[in-house]
Amino acid sequence: MTLEFGLSYTIINVKSGTALDLDDNNNKYVVGFPIDGNTNQQWILEDAGDGFVRIKNLNGVGKYLCIDGNAKDGAPAICSAHQQTWRIIPESGDPDHLRISFSGINWVIDLANGQSAPDTYVQIWESQGSADNQVWIFKHLKV
C-alpha cells in the first residue's frame, strides 16, 4: 500500500478490527475502539524526512501520536504536541498490513496484552513477528 502525506486515515488493528482512537474521555491516551468515523479516529501522515513520518490526530488540535515517558515495553501511546517520528513498515506477506515502528527501532505500536476489547490501551512493545495485535491497516478516508 502506498501511503500519502496530508491524507486522513483510520488506522485499524488486524487482530481486533478496532481503530486507533484518541480517547475523548481524557484527550490524551490512545486506545483501540470500534470504528465510528469520528475525528478522534482520523490520523494525518506528515513527512518527517529520511523515511520517517509524524502521525497527527485530526481531533486533537496539534496533537501527535507519541509515547508517554521513556521508550520501553509497555510505554503508553498518547497524543501530545511532541512530534514523535515513526517508520511505517510493511509486512512481508501482505503490503497492506503495516507495523508502526517507534523511530525505526524494534518497538512497535501494540494493543496492550494482545487484547482486542474496546478501550484497550495502546502501547509500544518489542516487535513480535507474528503478533497481529501489532499489525495495522491504514484505510484512507475519502471526503
Protein backbone atom coordinates (compact mmCIF):
# COMPACT_ATOMS: atom_id res chain seq x y z
CA MET A 1 0.00 0.00 0.00
CA THR A 2 1.25 3.46 -0.84
CA LEU A 3 0.54 5.96 1.92
CA GLU A 4 0.30 9.64 1.08
CA PHE A 5 1.22 12.59 3.22
CA GLY A 6 -1.55 15.00 4.12
CA LEU A 7 -4.35 12.45 3.71
CA SER A 8 -6.60 11.31 6.53
CA TYR A 9 -6.56 7.62 7.55
CA THR A 10 -8.33 5.40 10.02
CA ILE A 11 -5.69 3.05 11.41
CA ILE A 12 -7.26 -0.37 12.06
CA ASN A 13 -5.75 -3.20 14.07
CA VAL A 14 -5.60 -6.52 12.17
CA LYS A 15 -6.36 -8.66 15.24
CA SER A 16 -9.23 -6.71 16.76
CA GLY A 17 -10.67 -4.66 13.91
CA THR A 18 -10.63 -1.68 16.26
CA ALA A 19 -9.24 1.71 15.27
CA LEU A 20 -6.52 3.82 16.88
CA ASP A 21 -8.64 6.28 18.85
CA LEU A 22 -7.69 9.38 20.81
CA ASP A 23 -9.68 8.69 23.98
CA ASP A 24 -12.15 11.56 24.21
CA ASN A 25 -12.55 10.97 27.96
CA ASN A 26 -9.08 12.40 28.58
CA ASN A 27 -7.93 13.65 25.15
CA LYS A 28 -4.51 12.13 25.84
CA TYR A 29 -4.36 8.33 25.77
CA VAL A 30 -4.71 6.28 22.60
CA VAL A 31 -6.95 3.21 22.73
CA GLY A 32 -8.34 0.63 20.37
CA PHE A 33 -12.03 1.36 19.84
CA PRO A 34 -14.71 0.15 17.38
CA ILE A 35 -14.69 2.19 14.18
CA ASP A 36 -17.15 5.08 14.46
CA GLY A 37 -15.87 7.57 11.88
CA ASN A 38 -15.27 10.35 14.41
CA THR A 39 -12.31 12.68 14.06
CA ASN A 40 -10.57 11.18 17.11
CA GLN A 41 -10.01 8.10 14.88
CA GLN A 42 -8.65 10.08 11.95
CA TRP A 43 -4.90 10.45 11.52
CA ILE A 44 -2.88 12.51 9.06
CA LEU A 45 0.60 11.45 7.98
CA GLU A 46 3.26 14.14 7.77
CA ASP A 47 6.65 13.70 6.15
CA ALA A 48 9.42 13.87 8.76
CA GLY A 49 12.22 13.14 6.25
CA ASP A 50 14.53 10.16 5.77
CA GLY A 51 11.61 7.69 5.56
CA PHE A 52 10.05 8.77 8.86
CA VAL A 53 6.55 10.16 9.45
CA ARG A 54 4.70 12.08 12.11
CA ILE A 55 1.15 10.87 12.80
CA LYS A 56 -1.21 13.72 13.70
CA ASN A 57 -4.69 13.24 15.14
CA LEU A 58 -7.39 15.22 13.36
CA ASN A 59 -9.42 15.79 16.54
CA GLY A 60 -6.58 16.64 18.92
CA VAL A 61 -5.61 20.06 17.62
CA GLY A 62 -1.84 20.00 17.18
CA LYS A 63 -1.54 16.57 18.84
CA TYR A 64 0.67 13.81 17.51
CA LEU A 65 0.97 10.11 18.25
CA CYS A 66 3.85 9.63 20.68
CA ILE A 67 4.67 7.70 23.83
CA ASP A 68 4.37 8.71 27.45
CA GLY A 69 7.77 8.63 29.12
CA ASN A 70 10.81 6.63 28.07
CA ALA A 71 10.83 4.14 25.21
CA LYS A 72 10.32 0.69 26.75
CA ASP A 73 7.94 -2.25 26.57
CA GLY A 74 4.56 -1.10 27.83
CA ALA A 75 5.09 2.65 27.41
CA PRO A 76 1.59 4.03 26.71
CA ALA A 77 0.76 5.64 23.39
CA ILE A 78 -0.57 9.15 23.84
CA CYS A 79 -1.23 12.26 21.81
CA SER A 80 0.69 15.41 22.63
CA ALA A 81 2.35 18.39 20.99
CA HIS A 82 5.60 16.37 20.83
CA GLN A 83 6.18 15.49 17.18
CA GLN A 84 7.42 11.91 17.58
CA THR A 85 8.70 10.25 14.42
CA TRP A 86 7.66 6.77 13.28
CA ARG A 87 8.57 4.43 10.47
CA ILE A 88 5.78 2.54 8.69
CA ILE A 89 7.00 -0.97 7.85
CA PRO A 90 5.03 -3.32 5.54
CA GLU A 91 4.68 -6.97 6.46
CA SER A 92 6.47 -9.24 4.01
CA GLY A 93 3.39 -11.40 3.30
CA ASP A 94 0.90 -8.54 2.81
CA PRO A 95 1.93 -4.98 1.89
CA ASP A 96 -1.40 -3.65 3.23
CA HIS A 97 -0.50 -4.93 6.72
CA LEU A 98 1.82 -2.45 8.40
CA ARG A 99 3.77 -2.07 11.61
CA ILE A 100 4.24 1.37 13.13
CA SER A 101 7.79 1.39 14.43
CA PHE A 102 8.94 3.82 17.12
CA SER A 103 11.68 5.90 15.47
CA GLY A 104 12.61 2.92 13.30
CA ILE A 105 13.78 0.70 16.16
CA ASN A 106 12.31 -2.65 17.21
CA TRP A 107 9.40 -1.25 19.28
CA VAL A 108 6.05 -1.00 17.55
CA ILE A 109 2.52 0.20 18.28
CA ASP A 110 0.74 -2.64 20.08
CA LEU A 111 -2.66 -3.33 21.65
CA ALA A 112 -1.86 -3.88 25.34
CA ASN A 113 -1.52 -7.53 26.34
CA GLY A 114 -2.78 -8.58 22.91
CA GLN A 115 -6.34 -7.69 23.96
CA SER A 116 -8.97 -6.82 21.39
CA ALA A 117 -11.69 -5.45 23.70
CA PRO A 118 -12.89 -1.86 23.13
CA ASP A 119 -10.90 0.74 25.07
CA THR A 120 -7.78 -1.44 25.17
CA TYR A 121 -4.83 0.83 25.78
CA VAL A 122 -2.29 1.14 23.01
CA GLN A 123 1.40 0.97 23.86
CA ILE A 124 4.76 0.23 22.33
CA TRP A 125 6.23 -3.24 22.64
CA GLU A 126 9.11 -5.10 21.10
CA SER A 127 8.07 -6.37 17.67
CA GLN A 128 6.83 -9.96 17.88
CA GLY A 129 6.98 -11.18 14.26
CA SER A 130 3.59 -12.89 14.01
CA ALA A 131 1.62 -10.84 16.59
CA ASP A 132 -1.46 -9.45 14.80
CA ASN A 133 -2.09 -7.05 17.69
CA GLN A 134 0.97 -5.18 16.36
CA VAL A 135 -0.19 -5.03 12.74
CA TRP A 136 -2.33 -2.24 11.30
CA ILE A 137 -4.22 -1.34 8.13
CA PHE A 138 -4.37 2.30 7.02
CA LYS A 139 -7.78 2.99 5.49
CA HIS A 140 -7.87 6.24 3.53
CA LEU A 141 -10.90 8.37 4.28
CA LYS A 142 -12.28 9.85 1.11
CA VAL A 143 -14.04 13.13 1.71
